[in-house]
Amino acid sequence: MKKLFTILLCLPLCFGCQDERKSNSSEEENSSPTETIEVQRDSAQNTTSNSSDSSTENSTTKEITAKDFSGEFQRSDDDKESTSCDCNCVYVQMDQASKLCLDQEENIHIQVKFKQIDASNLVMYYVSGQGKMEGQKDIPWSDFDTDQALATLHFTAPNSFELDWKGFMQNGEIAMDYAVLGKKNLEGNYKRK
């Protein structure tokens, strides 16, 4: 009998709670469309303003194409823009090897090739080299890897890039004895001459 009495007391509580839940959910349903419409209107306005911003942005931003990579670029940082182009320039040619000066005093030059890796980046690969550092052991030009990146060129605009020197590689590792050869002279910012 106690069980029956307990069940009869709990039934009104259970149904009463469900009625309260239904009234809360119907209130939420009534308020939701207004909020949703406002959000949709706001997002539509944002989309309209964003699309006009992006169309303006797209019209002022020029895409960098492969032909924009080619040309002669002169070092533009460290007051090297006013100096001669002997050891301060990079001549980018996408279809053939280019000669780069590493050290004018020691007459050290290398041949490199460039490969585009994405819309605004090139990788520089070592092809061959000539010259030696006076008073030090001979540079092992034939031992350097030709399939590892020597440097990367990140084009910030069609007429300028930043050269990040990685270094000569031997057997997949940086040749520490020769790492500074290109870093001190080539690494930096360049502008089209």
C-alpha atoms as a PDB file:
ATOM      1  CA  MET A   1       0.000   0.000   0.000  1.00  0.00           C
ATOM      2  CA  LYS A   2       2.889   2.347   0.746  1.00  0.00           C
ATOM      3  CA  LYS A   3       4.223   1.729  -2.760  1.00  0.00           C
ATOM      4  CA  LEU A   4       0.901   2.649  -4.345  1.00  0.00           C
ATOM      5  CA  PHE A   5       0.671   5.785  -2.246  1.00  0.00           C
ATOM      6  CA  THR A   6       4.235   6.801  -3.180  1.00  0.00           C
ATOM      7  CA  ILE A   7       3.550   6.255  -6.872  1.00  0.00           C
ATOM      8  CA  LEU A   8       0.344   8.332  -6.729  1.00  0.00           C
ATOM      9  CA  LEU A   9       2.239  11.199  -5.091  1.00  0.00           C
ATOM     10  CA  CYS A  10       5.084  11.100  -7.628  1.00  0.00           C
ATOM     11  CA  LEU A  11       2.837  11.086 -10.718  1.00  0.00           C
ATOM     12  CA  PRO A  12       1.636  14.688 -10.354  1.00  0.00           C
ATOM     13  CA  LEU A  13       5.207  15.828  -9.771  1.00  0.00           C
ATOM     14  CA  CYS A  14       6.412  14.096 -12.937  1.00  0.00           C
ATOM     15  CA  PHE A  15       3.618  15.492 -15.095  1.00  0.00           C
ATOM     16  CA  GLY A  16       3.989  18.923 -13.526  1.00  0.00           C
ATOM     17  CA  CYS A  17       7.698  19.029 -14.445  1.00  0.00           C
ATOM     18  CA  GLN A  18       6.940  17.997 -18.033  1.00  0.00           C
ATOM     19  CA  ASP A  19       4.384  20.791 -18.369  1.00  0.00           C
ATOM     20  CA  GLU A  20       6.966  23.269 -17.117  1.00  0.00           C
ATOM     21  CA  ARG A  21       9.527  21.948 -19.637  1.00  0.00           C
ATOM     22  CA  LYS A  22       7.016  22.276 -22.472  1.00  0.00           C
ATOM     23  CA  SER A  23       6.192  25.861 -21.569  1.00  0.00           C
ATOM     24  CA  ASN A  24       9.933  26.744 -21.366  1.00  0.00           C
ATOM     25  CA  SER A  25      10.632  25.159 -24.738  1.00  0.00           C
ATOM     26  CA  SER A  26       7.665  26.890 -26.374  1.00  0.00           C
ATOM     27  CA  GLU A  27       8.921  30.213 -25.016  1.00  0.00           C
ATOM     28  CA  GLU A  28      12.379  29.444 -26.469  1.00  0.00           C
ATOM     29  CA  GLU A  29      10.829  28.531 -29.808  1.00  0.00           C
ATOM     30  CA  ASN A  30       8.924  31.803 -29.841  1.00  0.00           C
ATOM     31  CA  SER A  31      12.042  33.842 -29.062  1.00  0.00           C
ATOM     32  CA  SER A  32      14.411  31.872 -31.331  1.00  0.00           C
ATOM     33  CA  PRO A  33      13.100  33.022 -34.718  1.00  0.00           C
ATOM     34  CA  THR A  34      13.624  36.664 -33.839  1.00  0.00           C
ATOM     35  CA  GLU A  35      17.167  36.029 -32.690  1.00  0.00           C
ATOM     36  CA  THR A  36      17.880  33.881 -35.719  1.00  0.00           C
ATOM     37  CA  ILE A  37      16.568  36.505 -38.095  1.00  0.00           C
ATOM     38  CA  GLU A  38      18.654  39.169 -36.410  1.00  0.00           C
ATOM     39  CA  VAL A  39      21.754  36.998 -36.602  1.00  0.00           C
ATOM     40  CA  GLN A  40      21.043  36.177 -40.223  1.00  0.00           C
ATOM     41  CA  ARG A  41      20.536  39.857 -41.042  1.00  0.00           C
ATOM     42  CA  ASP A  42      23.756  40.768 -39.206  1.00  0.00           C
ATOM     43  CA  SER A  43      25.709  38.033 -40.951  1.00  0.00           C
ATOM     44  CA  ALA A  44      24.248  39.045 -44.315  1.00  0.00           C
ATOM     45  CA  GLN A  45      25.357  42.626 -43.688  1.00  0.00           C
ATOM     46  CA  ASN A  46      28.810  41.384 -42.618  1.00  0.00           C
ATOM     47  CA  THR A  47      29.020  39.215 -45.723  1.00  0.00           C
ATOM     48  CA  THR A  48      28.077  42.149 -47.914  1.00  0.00           C
ATOM     49  CA  SER A  49      30.617  44.433 -46.272  1.00  0.00           C
ATOM     50  CA  ASN A  50      33.268  41.687 -46.256  1.00  0.00           C
ATOM     51  CA  SER A  51      32.745  40.919 -49.927  1.00  0.00           C
ATOM     52  CA  SER A  52      33.154  44.572 -50.835  1.00  0.00           C
ATOM     53  CA  ASP A  53      36.297  44.682 -48.683  1.00  0.00           C
ATOM     54  CA  SER A  54      37.703  41.558 -50.281  1.00  0.00           C
ATOM     55  CA  SER A  55      36.909  42.778 -53.793  1.00  0.00           C
ATOM     56  CA  THR A  56      38.772  45.984 -53.004  1.00  0.00           C
ATOM     57  CA  GLU A  57      41.575  43.912 -51.502  1.00  0.00           C
ATOM     58  CA  ASN A  58      41.671  41.596 -54.526  1.00  0.00           C
ATOM     59  CA  SER A  59      41.829  44.517 -56.908  1.00  0.00           C
ATOM     60  CA  THR A  60      44.822  46.030 -55.082  1.00  0.00           C
ATOM     61  CA  THR A  61      46.697  42.751 -54.464  1.00  0.00           C
ATOM     62  CA  LYS A  62      48.594  41.467 -57.481  1.00  0.00           C
ATOM     63  CA  GLU A  63      49.198  37.767 -57.855  1.00  0.00           C
ATOM     64  CA  ILE A  64      52.840  36.792 -58.159  1.00  0.00           C
ATOM     65  CA  THR A  65      53.420  34.688 -61.271  1.00  0.00           C
ATOM     66  CA  ALA A  66      56.467  32.725 -62.431  1.00  0.00           C
ATOM     67  CA  LYS A  67      57.524  35.515 -64.781  1.00  0.00           C
ATOM     68  CA  ASP A  68      57.632  37.872 -61.780  1.00  0.00           C
ATOM     69  CA  PHE A  69      60.295  35.674 -60.172  1.00  0.00           C
ATOM     70  CA  SER A  70      62.789  36.123 -63.003  1.00  0.00           C
ATOM     71  CA  GLY A  71      65.087  39.116 -63.083  1.00  0.00           C
ATOM     72  CA  GLU A  72      67.926  40.876 -61.327  1.00  0.00           C
ATOM     73  CA  PHE A  73      67.437  41.745 -57.657  1.00  0.00           C
ATOM     74  CA  GLN A  74      69.757  43.866 -55.538  1.00  0.00           C
ATOM     75  CA  ARG A  75      70.259  43.623 -51.793  1.00  0.00           C
ATOM     76  CA  SER A  76      68.169  46.332 -50.132  1.00  0.00           C
ATOM     77  CA  ASP A  77      69.164  46.094 -46.480  1.00  0.00           C
ATOM     78  CA  ASP A  78      72.353  47.063 -44.633  1.00  0.00           C
ATOM     79  CA  ASP A  79      72.920  50.048 -46.970  1.00  0.00           C
ATOM     80  CA  LYS A  80      73.930  47.668 -49.778  1.00  0.00           C
ATOM     81  CA  GLU A  81      71.469  49.137 -52.270  1.00  0.00           C
ATOM     82  CA  SER A  82      73.857  51.937 -53.166  1.00  0.00           C
ATOM     83  CA  THR A  83      76.868  49.628 -53.602  1.00  0.00           C
ATOM     84  CA  SER A  84      77.846  47.842 -56.774  1.00  0.00           C
ATOM     85  CA  CYS A  85      75.983  44.774 -57.844  1.00  0.00           C
ATOM     86  CA  ASP A  86      79.104  42.567 -57.889  1.00  0.00           C
ATOM     87  CA  CYS A  87      78.366  40.579 -54.745  1.00  0.00           C
ATOM     88  CA  ASN A  88      75.053  42.153 -53.725  1.00  0.00           C
ATOM     89  CA  CYS A  89      72.751  40.902 -56.453  1.00  0.00           C
ATOM     90  CA  VAL A  90      70.849  37.746 -57.253  1.00  0.00           C
ATOM     91  CA  TYR A  91      69.901  37.033 -60.845  1.00  0.00           C
ATOM     92  CA  VAL A  92      66.891  34.703 -60.781  1.00  0.00           C
ATOM     93  CA  GLN A  93      66.417  32.575 -63.890  1.00  0.00           C
ATOM     94  CA  MET A  94      63.804  29.842 -63.740  1.00  0.00           C
ATOM     95  CA  ASP A  95      64.981  27.980 -66.844  1.00  0.00           C
ATOM     96  CA  GLN A  96      68.767  27.845 -66.342  1.00  0.00           C
ATOM     97  CA  ALA A  97      71.509  28.035 -63.707  1.00  0.00           C
ATOM     98  CA  SER A  98      72.500  31.405 -62.260  1.00  0.00           C
ATOM     99  CA  LYS A  99      75.892  32.529 -60.980  1.00  0.00           C
ATOM    100  CA  LEU A 100      76.057  33.987 -57.456  1.00  0.00           C
ATOM    101  CA  CYS A 101      78.935  35.715 -55.720  1.00  0.00           C
ATOM    102  CA  LEU A 102      79.626  34.448 -52.191  1.00  0.00           C
ATOM    103  CA  ASP A 103      82.807  36.365 -51.449  1.00  0.00           C
ATOM    104  CA  GLN A 104      84.239  39.018 -53.760  1.00  0.00           C
ATOM    105  CA  GLU A 105      87.621  39.283 -52.002  1.00  0.00           C
ATOM    106  CA  GLU A 106      88.234  35.522 -52.186  1.00  0.00           C
ATOM    107  CA  ASN A 107      86.602  35.275 -55.645  1.00  0.00           C
ATOM    108  CA  ILE A 108      84.185  32.546 -54.528  1.00  0.00           C
ATOM    109  CA  HIS A 109      81.196  31.955 -56.814  1.00  0.00           C
ATOM    110  CA  ILE A 110      78.542  29.270 -57.132  1.00  0.00           C
ATOM    111  CA  GLN A 111      76.067  28.178 -59.780  1.00  0.00           C
ATOM    112  CA  VAL A 112      72.520  27.646 -58.522  1.00  0.00           C
ATOM    113  CA  LYS A 113      69.149  26.696 -59.940  1.00  0.00           C
ATOM    114  CA  PHE A 114      65.748  27.867 -58.731  1.00  0.00           C
ATOM    115  CA  LYS A 115      62.528  25.919 -58.341  1.00  0.00           C
ATOM    116  CA  GLN A 116      59.104  27.326 -57.507  1.00  0.00           C
ATOM    117  CA  ILE A 117      57.512  25.521 -54.544  1.00  0.00           C
ATOM    118  CA  ASP A 118      54.312  27.551 -54.191  1.00  0.00           C
ATOM    119  CA  ALA A 119      52.703  30.848 -55.175  1.00  0.00           C
ATOM    120  CA  SER A 120      55.286  33.065 -53.470  1.00  0.00           C
ATOM    121  CA  ASN A 121      58.323  30.913 -52.657  1.00  0.00           C
ATOM    122  CA  LEU A 122      61.349  29.635 -54.525  1.00  0.00           C
ATOM    123  CA  VAL A 123      63.994  27.188 -53.412  1.00  0.00           C
ATOM    124  CA  MET A 124      67.628  27.605 -54.440  1.00  0.00           C
ATOM    125  CA  TYR A 125      69.687  24.475 -55.171  1.00  0.00           C
ATOM    126  CA  TYR A 126      73.454  24.229 -55.436  1.00  0.00           C
ATOM    127  CA  VAL A 127      74.807  23.166 -58.846  1.00  0.00           C
ATOM    128  CA  SER A 128      78.563  23.853 -58.727  1.00  0.00           C
ATOM    129  CA  GLY A 129      81.155  26.164 -57.219  1.00  0.00           C
ATOM    130  CA  GLN A 130      84.591  27.661 -57.694  1.00  0.00           C
ATOM    131  CA  GLY A 131      87.123  29.418 -55.529  1.00  0.00           C
ATOM    132  CA  LYS A 132      88.796  28.738 -52.228  1.00  0.00           C
ATOM    133  CA  MET A 133      89.205  30.428 -48.882  1.00  0.00           C
ATOM    134  CA  GLU A 134      92.779  31.573 -48.470  1.00  0.00           C
ATOM    135  CA  GLY A 135      94.631  30.095 -45.516  1.00  0.00           C
ATOM    136  CA  GLN A 136      92.044  27.322 -45.054  1.00  0.00           C
ATOM    137  CA  LYS A 137      91.484  23.890 -46.526  1.00  0.00           C
ATOM    138  CA  ASP A 138      89.998  23.634 -49.998  1.00  0.00           C
ATOM    139  CA  ILE A 139      86.220  23.855 -50.302  1.00  0.00           C
ATOM    140  CA  PRO A 140      84.865  20.397 -51.244  1.00  0.00           C
ATOM    141  CA  TRP A 141      82.619  21.665 -54.042  1.00  0.00           C
ATOM    142  CA  SER A 142      81.967  18.191 -55.475  1.00  0.00           C
ATOM    143  CA  ASP A 143      80.865  16.825 -52.075  1.00  0.00           C
ATOM    144  CA  PHE A 144      77.990  19.273 -51.559  1.00  0.00           C
ATOM    145  CA  ASP A 145      74.455  17.931 -52.111  1.00  0.00           C
ATOM    146  CA  THR A 146      72.721  19.205 -55.234  1.00  0.00           C
ATOM    147  CA  ASP A 147      69.268  17.922 -54.250  1.00  0.00           C
ATOM    148  CA  GLN A 148      68.967  19.753 -50.906  1.00  0.00           C
ATOM    149  CA  ALA A 149      67.753  23.343 -50.522  1.00  0.00           C
ATOM    150  CA  LEU A 150      70.603  25.824 -50.237  1.00  0.00           C
ATOM    151  CA  ALA A 151      68.279  28.773 -49.543  1.00  0.00           C
ATOM    152  CA  THR A 152      64.655  29.876 -49.835  1.00  0.00           C
ATOM    153  CA  LEU A 153      63.351  33.041 -51.444  1.00  0.00           C
ATOM    154  CA  HIS A 154      60.061  34.331 -50.076  1.00  0.00           C
ATOM    155  CA  PHE A 155      58.493  36.900 -52.391  1.00  0.00           C
ATOM    156  CA  THR A 156      56.629  39.513 -50.362  1.00  0.00           C
ATOM    157  CA  ALA A 157      55.689  41.363 -53.568  1.00  0.00           C
ATOM    158  CA  PRO A 158      56.441  40.858 -57.270  1.00  0.00           C
ATOM    159  CA  ASN A 159      59.462  43.157 -56.964  1.00  0.00           C
ATOM    160  CA  SER A 160      60.968  42.046 -53.650  1.00  0.00           C
ATOM    161  CA  PHE A 161      61.884  38.949 -51.711  1.00  0.00           C
ATOM    162  CA  GLU A 162      63.616  37.799 -48.557  1.00  0.00           C
ATOM    163  CA  LEU A 163      66.455  35.300 -48.963  1.00  0.00           C
ATOM    164  CA  ASP A 164      66.875  32.825 -46.094  1.00  0.00           C
ATOM    165  CA  TRP A 165      70.221  31.037 -46.357  1.00  0.00           C
ATOM    166  CA  LYS A 166      70.120  27.413 -45.168  1.00  0.00           C
ATOM    167  CA  GLY A 167      73.695  26.435 -46.005  1.00  0.00           C
ATOM    168  CA  PHE A 168      75.622  23.880 -47.991  1.00  0.00           C
ATOM    169  CA  MET A 169      74.605  20.302 -47.283  1.00  0.00           C
ATOM    170  CA  GLN A 170      76.760  17.174 -47.237  1.00  0.00           C
ATOM    171  CA  ASN A 171      74.975  13.820 -46.999  1.00  0.00           C
ATOM    172  CA  GLY A 172      71.751  15.546 -45.907  1.00  0.00           C
ATOM    173  CA  GLU A 173      73.381  17.532 -43.083  1.00  0.00           C
ATOM    174  CA  ILE A 174      74.553  21.141 -42.971  1.00  0.00           C
ATOM    175  CA  ALA A 175      78.274  21.462 -43.731  1.00  0.00           C
ATOM    176  CA  MET A 176      79.132  23.532 -40.666  1.00  0.00           C
ATOM    177  CA  ASP A 177      82.616  24.525 -41.870  1.00  0.00           C
ATOM    178  CA  TYR A 178      81.071  26.289 -44.888  1.00  0.00           C
ATOM    179  CA  ALA A 179      77.725  27.489 -43.511  1.00  0.00           C
ATOM    180  CA  VAL A 180      78.755  31.150 -43.319  1.00  0.00           C
ATOM    181  CA  LEU A 181      79.911  31.337 -46.942  1.00  0.00           C
ATOM    182  CA  GLY A 182      76.562  32.507 -48.284  1.00  0.00           C
ATOM    183  CA  LYS A 183      74.900  33.622 -45.070  1.00  0.00           C
ATOM    184  CA  LYS A 184      76.953  36.760 -44.491  1.00  0.00           C
ATOM    185  CA  ASN A 185      76.750  37.960 -48.073  1.00  0.00           C
ATOM    186  CA  LEU A 186      73.462  36.692 -49.508  1.00  0.00           C
ATOM    187  CA  GLU A 187      70.948  36.458 -46.672  1.00  0.00           C
ATOM    188  CA  GLY A 188      68.628  39.454 -46.489  1.00  0.00           C
ATOM    189  CA  ASN A 189      66.044  41.467 -48.396  1.00  0.00           C
ATOM    190  CA  TYR A 190      66.188  42.149 -52.129  1.00  0.00           C
ATOM    191  CA  LYS A 191      64.407  44.486 -54.536  1.00  0.00           C
ATOM    192  CA  ARG A 192      64.133  44.281 -58.295  1.00  0.00           C
ATOM    193  CA  LYS A 193      66.843  46.361 -59.919  1.00  0.00           C
END
